[in-house]
Amino acid sequence: MNIGDLCWDIVTETMWIISDIWWCPLIEDYKYDLTCVKSCATIVTNDVVTSYMRADFIKRTNSDLYKSDE
């Protein structure tokens, strides 16, 4: 995952963009700042949450791309 990648939150049904990736020395893990495209609110998530949201976005957009080809 990289800064600028889009993610989808199935709970709020909103799109988010990865705005920053940083190392958290307290828990020795990467943290991701996600900014909501609609409201510009920013949240901090861990790798598991961000990976799930990124995968959901890719799954949804791939489905839409395949539908438009038919």
N, C-alpha and C. Protein backbone atom coordinates (compact mmCIF):
# COMPACT_ATOMS: atom_id res chain seq x y z
N MET A 1 0.83 -1.17 0.00
CA MET A 1 0.00 0.00 0.00
C MET A 1 0.88 1.24 0.00
N ASN A 2 0.40 2.26 -0.68
CA ASN A 2 1.17 3.49 -0.82
C ASN A 2 0.30 4.71 -0.54
N ILE A 3 0.97 5.82 -0.25
CA ILE A 3 0.25 7.08 -0.10
C ILE A 3 -0.45 7.38 -1.41
N GLY A 4 -1.71 7.76 -1.31
CA GLY A 4 -2.51 8.05 -2.51
C GLY A 4 -3.43 6.92 -2.91
N ASP A 5 -3.24 5.73 -2.36
CA ASP A 5 -4.13 4.60 -2.67
C ASP A 5 -5.51 4.86 -2.08
N LEU A 6 -6.54 4.44 -2.79
CA LEU A 6 -7.91 4.60 -2.33
C LEU A 6 -8.38 3.37 -1.58
N CYS A 7 -9.24 3.58 -0.59
CA CYS A 7 -9.80 2.51 0.23
C CYS A 7 -11.30 2.74 0.35
N TRP A 8 -12.03 1.67 0.68
CA TRP A 8 -13.48 1.76 0.83
C TRP A 8 -13.89 1.23 2.20
N ASP A 9 -14.69 2.01 2.92
CA ASP A 9 -15.20 1.60 4.23
C ASP A 9 -16.63 1.10 4.04
N ILE A 10 -16.83 -0.20 4.27
CA ILE A 10 -18.16 -0.77 4.05
C ILE A 10 -19.15 -0.35 5.13
N VAL A 11 -18.68 0.05 6.29
CA VAL A 11 -19.57 0.45 7.38
C VAL A 11 -20.22 1.80 7.07
N THR A 12 -19.41 2.80 6.73
CA THR A 12 -19.94 4.14 6.45
C THR A 12 -20.20 4.37 4.97
N GLU A 13 -19.80 3.40 4.14
CA GLU A 13 -19.93 3.50 2.69
C GLU A 13 -19.31 4.78 2.15
N THR A 14 -18.05 5.00 2.55
CA THR A 14 -17.30 6.17 2.11
C THR A 14 -15.93 5.77 1.59
N MET A 15 -15.39 6.62 0.72
CA MET A 15 -14.08 6.39 0.15
C MET A 15 -13.04 7.15 0.95
N TRP A 16 -11.90 6.52 1.16
CA TRP A 16 -10.80 7.10 1.91
C TRP A 16 -9.54 7.03 1.06
N ILE A 17 -8.61 7.93 1.33
CA ILE A 17 -7.33 7.92 0.65
C ILE A 17 -6.23 7.82 1.70
N ILE A 18 -5.22 7.02 1.43
CA ILE A 18 -4.08 6.92 2.36
C ILE A 18 -3.27 8.20 2.23
N SER A 19 -3.29 9.01 3.28
CA SER A 19 -2.61 10.31 3.23
C SER A 19 -1.23 10.29 3.87
N ASP A 20 -0.95 9.30 4.71
CA ASP A 20 0.37 9.20 5.32
C ASP A 20 0.56 7.80 5.87
N ILE A 21 1.80 7.34 5.84
CA ILE A 21 2.19 6.05 6.44
C ILE A 21 3.37 6.35 7.35
N TRP A 22 3.27 5.94 8.60
CA TRP A 22 4.32 6.27 9.54
C TRP A 22 4.56 5.12 10.53
N TRP A 23 5.76 5.11 11.09
CA TRP A 23 6.17 4.09 12.04
C TRP A 23 5.81 4.52 13.45
N CYS A 24 5.14 3.66 14.19
CA CYS A 24 4.78 3.95 15.58
C CYS A 24 5.73 3.14 16.48
N PRO A 25 6.70 3.79 17.12
CA PRO A 25 7.67 3.06 17.93
C PRO A 25 7.07 2.44 19.20
N LEU A 26 5.95 2.98 19.66
CA LEU A 26 5.33 2.47 20.87
C LEU A 26 4.87 1.02 20.71
N ILE A 27 4.25 0.73 19.59
CA ILE A 27 3.78 -0.65 19.34
C ILE A 27 4.59 -1.34 18.24
N GLU A 28 5.61 -0.64 17.74
CA GLU A 28 6.49 -1.15 16.69
C GLU A 28 5.70 -1.71 15.51
N ASP A 29 4.91 -0.84 14.93
CA ASP A 29 4.10 -1.21 13.78
C ASP A 29 3.82 0.05 12.96
N TYR A 30 3.50 -0.15 11.69
CA TYR A 30 3.14 0.97 10.84
C TYR A 30 1.71 1.39 11.10
N LYS A 31 1.47 2.69 11.01
CA LYS A 31 0.14 3.28 11.13
C LYS A 31 -0.17 4.01 9.83
N TYR A 32 -1.44 4.07 9.51
CA TYR A 32 -1.89 4.69 8.26
C TYR A 32 -2.87 5.81 8.58
N ASP A 33 -2.59 7.00 8.07
CA ASP A 33 -3.55 8.10 8.16
C ASP A 33 -4.44 7.99 6.92
N LEU A 34 -5.75 7.85 7.15
CA LEU A 34 -6.71 7.79 6.06
C LEU A 34 -7.56 9.04 6.11
N THR A 35 -7.70 9.71 4.98
CA THR A 35 -8.50 10.91 4.89
C THR A 35 -9.73 10.62 4.05
N CYS A 36 -10.90 10.97 4.59
CA CYS A 36 -12.17 10.74 3.91
C CYS A 36 -12.27 11.70 2.73
N VAL A 37 -12.58 11.16 1.56
CA VAL A 37 -12.70 11.98 0.36
C VAL A 37 -13.90 12.94 0.47
N LYS A 38 -14.95 12.51 1.14
CA LYS A 38 -16.18 13.32 1.24
C LYS A 38 -16.07 14.44 2.27
N SER A 39 -15.55 14.14 3.46
CA SER A 39 -15.56 15.12 4.55
C SER A 39 -14.19 15.68 4.92
N CYS A 40 -13.14 15.12 4.39
CA CYS A 40 -11.75 15.50 4.70
C CYS A 40 -11.35 15.17 6.14
N ALA A 41 -12.15 14.39 6.85
CA ALA A 41 -11.77 13.92 8.19
C ALA A 41 -10.64 12.91 8.06
N THR A 42 -9.74 12.88 9.03
CA THR A 42 -8.61 11.95 9.00
C THR A 42 -8.68 11.04 10.21
N ILE A 43 -8.43 9.75 9.95
CA ILE A 43 -8.37 8.76 11.03
C ILE A 43 -7.04 8.03 10.94
N VAL A 44 -6.65 7.37 12.02
CA VAL A 44 -5.43 6.57 12.05
C VAL A 44 -5.85 5.11 12.20
N THR A 45 -5.33 4.26 11.31
CA THR A 45 -5.64 2.83 11.36
C THR A 45 -4.35 2.02 11.34
N ASN A 46 -4.52 0.74 11.59
CA ASN A 46 -3.36 -0.15 11.53
C ASN A 46 -3.33 -0.86 10.17
N ASP A 47 -2.36 -1.72 9.99
CA ASP A 47 -2.15 -2.42 8.72
C ASP A 47 -3.33 -3.33 8.37
N VAL A 48 -3.89 -4.00 9.37
CA VAL A 48 -4.99 -4.94 9.12
C VAL A 48 -6.22 -4.21 8.58
N VAL A 49 -6.61 -3.13 9.22
CA VAL A 49 -7.79 -2.37 8.80
C VAL A 49 -7.57 -1.77 7.42
N THR A 50 -6.41 -1.16 7.21
CA THR A 50 -6.13 -0.53 5.93
C THR A 50 -6.09 -1.56 4.81
N SER A 51 -5.48 -2.71 5.06
CA SER A 51 -5.42 -3.76 4.05
C SER A 51 -6.81 -4.24 3.66
N TYR A 52 -7.68 -4.41 4.64
CA TYR A 52 -9.05 -4.85 4.38
C TYR A 52 -9.81 -3.79 3.56
N MET A 53 -9.67 -2.52 3.94
CA MET A 53 -10.36 -1.45 3.22
C MET A 53 -9.82 -1.31 1.80
N ARG A 54 -8.52 -1.47 1.62
CA ARG A 54 -7.90 -1.38 0.28
C ARG A 54 -8.37 -2.54 -0.59
N ALA A 55 -8.40 -3.74 -0.02
CA ALA A 55 -8.85 -4.91 -0.77
C ALA A 55 -10.31 -4.78 -1.19
N ASP A 56 -11.13 -4.23 -0.31
CA ASP A 56 -12.54 -4.04 -0.63
C ASP A 56 -12.69 -3.04 -1.78
N PHE A 57 -11.90 -1.97 -1.78
CA PHE A 57 -11.96 -1.00 -2.87
C PHE A 57 -11.56 -1.65 -4.19
N ILE A 58 -10.48 -2.43 -4.18
CA ILE A 58 -10.00 -3.10 -5.40
C ILE A 58 -11.06 -4.09 -5.90
N LYS A 59 -11.67 -4.84 -4.99
CA LYS A 59 -12.70 -5.80 -5.38
C LYS A 59 -13.88 -5.08 -6.03
N ARG A 60 -14.32 -3.99 -5.46
CA ARG A 60 -15.46 -3.25 -6.01
C ARG A 60 -15.13 -2.62 -7.36
N THR A 61 -13.97 -2.03 -7.51
CA THR A 61 -13.64 -1.38 -8.78
C THR A 61 -13.37 -2.40 -9.87
N ASN A 62 -12.78 -3.53 -9.53
CA ASN A 62 -12.58 -4.57 -10.54
C ASN A 62 -13.92 -5.09 -11.04
N SER A 63 -14.89 -5.26 -10.15
CA SER A 63 -16.22 -5.71 -10.55
C SER A 63 -16.86 -4.70 -11.50
N ASP A 64 -16.72 -3.41 -11.21
CA ASP A 64 -17.28 -2.37 -12.07
C ASP A 64 -16.59 -2.33 -13.42
N LEU A 65 -15.29 -2.55 -13.44
CA LEU A 65 -14.56 -2.55 -14.71
C LEU A 65 -15.01 -3.72 -15.58
N TYR A 66 -15.21 -4.88 -14.96
CA TYR A 66 -15.64 -6.02 -15.75
C TYR A 66 -17.04 -5.83 -16.29
N LYS A 67 -17.91 -5.18 -15.56
CA LYS A 67 -19.27 -4.92 -16.03
C LYS A 67 -19.28 -3.97 -17.20
N SER A 68 -18.38 -2.99 -17.20
CA SER A 68 -18.36 -2.02 -18.30
C SER A 68 -17.80 -2.59 -19.59
N ASP A 69 -17.07 -3.70 -19.49
CA ASP A 69 -16.51 -4.34 -20.69
C ASP A 69 -17.55 -5.16 -21.43
N GLU A 70 -18.62 -5.54 -20.77
CA GLU A 70 -19.61 -6.42 -21.39
C GLU A 70 -20.56 -5.67 -22.29
